[in-house]
Amino acid sequence: MDFTTLTEHFVLVVVVACLVVGYIIKHTSFLSKIPNNDIPVILAAVGAVLNGFVSGFSVESIVYGAVMGLASTGLHQAFTRFVENKTEE
């Protein structure tokens, strides 16, 4: 599988912004009522909109933005499990 297409459209600012938004949703008291299952969907939408602003609004940039929002969720989970030294049981 060739990931060069994905790396061409990867915007680090969008991923970091999605990580920050996800952290705010998770750790803010008035937003803590949002279920954990909804956070990836919210970050996909945020990533799509942010990448639209950064790269120009096209279907391709919106889809890649949504992928980056979802990737930020996976990145957060991987980092959390690494730091806490947890494994799937």
C-alpha atoms as a PDB file:
ATOM      1  CA  MET A   1       0.000   0.000   0.000  1.00  0.00           C
ATOM      2  CA  ASP A   2       1.344   3.393  -0.990  1.00  0.00           C
ATOM      3  CA  PHE A   3       0.859   6.165   1.578  1.00  0.00           C
ATOM      4  CA  THR A   4       2.445   8.942  -0.489  1.00  0.00           C
ATOM      5  CA  THR A   5      -0.979  10.242  -1.549  1.00  0.00           C
ATOM      6  CA  LEU A   6      -2.027  10.528   2.081  1.00  0.00           C
ATOM      7  CA  THR A   7       1.175  12.266   3.124  1.00  0.00           C
ATOM      8  CA  GLU A   8       0.766  14.818   0.325  1.00  0.00           C
ATOM      9  CA  HIS A   9      -2.571  15.923   1.798  1.00  0.00           C
ATOM     10  CA  PHE A  10      -1.637  15.623   5.484  1.00  0.00           C
ATOM     11  CA  VAL A  11      -1.794  18.972   7.268  1.00  0.00           C
ATOM     12  CA  LEU A  12      -0.226  18.874  10.723  1.00  0.00           C
ATOM     13  CA  VAL A  13      -2.043  22.021  11.863  1.00  0.00           C
ATOM     14  CA  VAL A  14      -5.426  20.368  11.299  1.00  0.00           C
ATOM     15  CA  VAL A  15      -4.433  17.253  13.264  1.00  0.00           C
ATOM     16  CA  VAL A  16      -3.092  19.306  16.168  1.00  0.00           C
ATOM     17  CA  ALA A  17      -6.200  21.504  16.168  1.00  0.00           C
ATOM     18  CA  CYS A  18      -8.395  18.395  16.276  1.00  0.00           C
ATOM     19  CA  LEU A  19      -6.323  17.020  19.156  1.00  0.00           C
ATOM     20  CA  VAL A  20      -6.863  20.268  21.061  1.00  0.00           C
ATOM     21  CA  VAL A  21     -10.617  20.286  20.365  1.00  0.00           C
ATOM     22  CA  GLY A  22     -10.887  16.661  21.476  1.00  0.00           C
ATOM     23  CA  TYR A  23      -8.967  17.417  24.664  1.00  0.00           C
ATOM     24  CA  ILE A  24     -11.241  20.365  25.401  1.00  0.00           C
ATOM     25  CA  ILE A  25     -14.359  18.263  24.836  1.00  0.00           C
ATOM     26  CA  LYS A  26     -13.058  15.498  27.078  1.00  0.00           C
ATOM     27  CA  HIS A  27     -11.817  17.651  29.953  1.00  0.00           C
ATOM     28  CA  THR A  28     -14.200  20.625  30.107  1.00  0.00           C
ATOM     29  CA  SER A  29     -16.946  20.314  32.675  1.00  0.00           C
ATOM     30  CA  PHE A  30     -19.826  21.677  30.597  1.00  0.00           C
ATOM     31  CA  LEU A  31     -18.817  19.603  27.549  1.00  0.00           C
ATOM     32  CA  SER A  32     -18.197  16.419  29.540  1.00  0.00           C
ATOM     33  CA  LYS A  33     -21.822  15.415  28.946  1.00  0.00           C
ATOM     34  CA  ILE A  34     -20.920  14.553  25.352  1.00  0.00           C
ATOM     35  CA  PRO A  35     -20.578  10.751  25.103  1.00  0.00           C
ATOM     36  CA  ASN A  36     -17.127   9.403  24.235  1.00  0.00           C
ATOM     37  CA  ASN A  37     -18.579   7.667  21.168  1.00  0.00           C
ATOM     38  CA  ASP A  38     -19.507  11.031  19.659  1.00  0.00           C
ATOM     39  CA  ILE A  39     -16.059  12.629  19.961  1.00  0.00           C
ATOM     40  CA  PRO A  40     -14.594  10.981  16.799  1.00  0.00           C
ATOM     41  CA  VAL A  41     -17.596  12.147  14.766  1.00  0.00           C
ATOM     42  CA  ILE A  42     -17.209  15.695  16.078  1.00  0.00           C
ATOM     43  CA  LEU A  43     -13.479  15.660  15.310  1.00  0.00           C
ATOM     44  CA  ALA A  44     -14.114  14.337  11.797  1.00  0.00           C
ATOM     45  CA  ALA A  45     -16.463  17.263  11.167  1.00  0.00           C
ATOM     46  CA  VAL A  46     -14.023  19.767  12.710  1.00  0.00           C
ATOM     47  CA  GLY A  47     -11.170  18.334  10.637  1.00  0.00           C
ATOM     48  CA  ALA A  48     -13.231  18.543   7.453  1.00  0.00           C
ATOM     49  CA  VAL A  49     -14.107  22.191   8.048  1.00  0.00           C
ATOM     50  CA  LEU A  50     -10.586  23.199   9.128  1.00  0.00           C
ATOM     51  CA  ASN A  51      -8.950  21.490   6.171  1.00  0.00           C
ATOM     52  CA  GLY A  52     -11.467  23.166   3.913  1.00  0.00           C
ATOM     53  CA  PHE A  53     -10.271  26.531   5.197  1.00  0.00           C
ATOM     54  CA  VAL A  54      -6.590  25.566   5.009  1.00  0.00           C
ATOM     55  CA  SER A  55      -6.534  23.754   1.664  1.00  0.00           C
ATOM     56  CA  GLY A  56      -9.564  25.239  -0.068  1.00  0.00           C
ATOM     57  CA  PHE A  57     -13.052  23.818  -0.145  1.00  0.00           C
ATOM     58  CA  SER A  58     -13.221  20.795  -2.392  1.00  0.00           C
ATOM     59  CA  VAL A  59     -14.585  17.323  -1.856  1.00  0.00           C
ATOM     60  CA  GLU A  60     -11.068  15.931  -1.692  1.00  0.00           C
ATOM     61  CA  SER A  61      -9.844  18.365   0.950  1.00  0.00           C
ATOM     62  CA  ILE A  62     -12.978  17.863   3.058  1.00  0.00           C
ATOM     63  CA  VAL A  63     -12.564  14.078   2.969  1.00  0.00           C
ATOM     64  CA  TYR A  64      -8.882  14.320   3.870  1.00  0.00           C
ATOM     65  CA  GLY A  65      -9.788  16.710   6.680  1.00  0.00           C
ATOM     66  CA  ALA A  66     -12.279  14.213   8.076  1.00  0.00           C
ATOM     67  CA  VAL A  67      -9.603  11.509   7.898  1.00  0.00           C
ATOM     68  CA  MET A  68      -7.197  13.772   9.785  1.00  0.00           C
ATOM     69  CA  GLY A  69      -9.836  14.400  12.460  1.00  0.00           C
ATOM     70  CA  LEU A  70     -10.310  10.661  12.896  1.00  0.00           C
ATOM     71  CA  ALA A  71      -6.548  10.154  12.864  1.00  0.00           C
ATOM     72  CA  SER A  72      -6.211  12.610  15.732  1.00  0.00           C
ATOM     73  CA  THR A  73      -8.555  10.399  17.763  1.00  0.00           C
ATOM     74  CA  GLY A  74      -6.410   7.356  17.055  1.00  0.00           C
ATOM     75  CA  LEU A  75      -3.243   9.305  17.806  1.00  0.00           C
ATOM     76  CA  HIS A  76      -4.642  10.376  21.163  1.00  0.00           C
ATOM     77  CA  GLN A  77      -5.606   6.797  22.040  1.00  0.00           C
ATOM     78  CA  ALA A  78      -2.197   5.436  21.039  1.00  0.00           C
ATOM     79  CA  PHE A  79      -0.376   8.120  23.026  1.00  0.00           C
ATOM     80  CA  THR A  80      -2.591   7.577  26.088  1.00  0.00           C
ATOM     81  CA  ARG A  81      -2.059   3.835  26.038  1.00  0.00           C
ATOM     82  CA  PHE A  82       1.686   4.294  25.589  1.00  0.00           C
ATOM     83  CA  VAL A  83       1.981   6.737  28.483  1.00  0.00           C
ATOM     84  CA  GLU A  84      -0.256   4.723  30.800  1.00  0.00           C
ATOM     85  CA  ASN A  85       1.368   1.461  29.655  1.00  0.00           C
ATOM     86  CA  LYS A  86      -2.023  -0.154  29.088  1.00  0.00           C
ATOM     87  CA  THR A  87      -2.706  -3.101  26.836  1.00  0.00           C
ATOM     88  CA  GLU A  88      -5.986  -4.399  25.442  1.00  0.00           C
ATOM     89  CA  GLU A  89      -7.441  -7.125  27.562  1.00  0.00           C
END
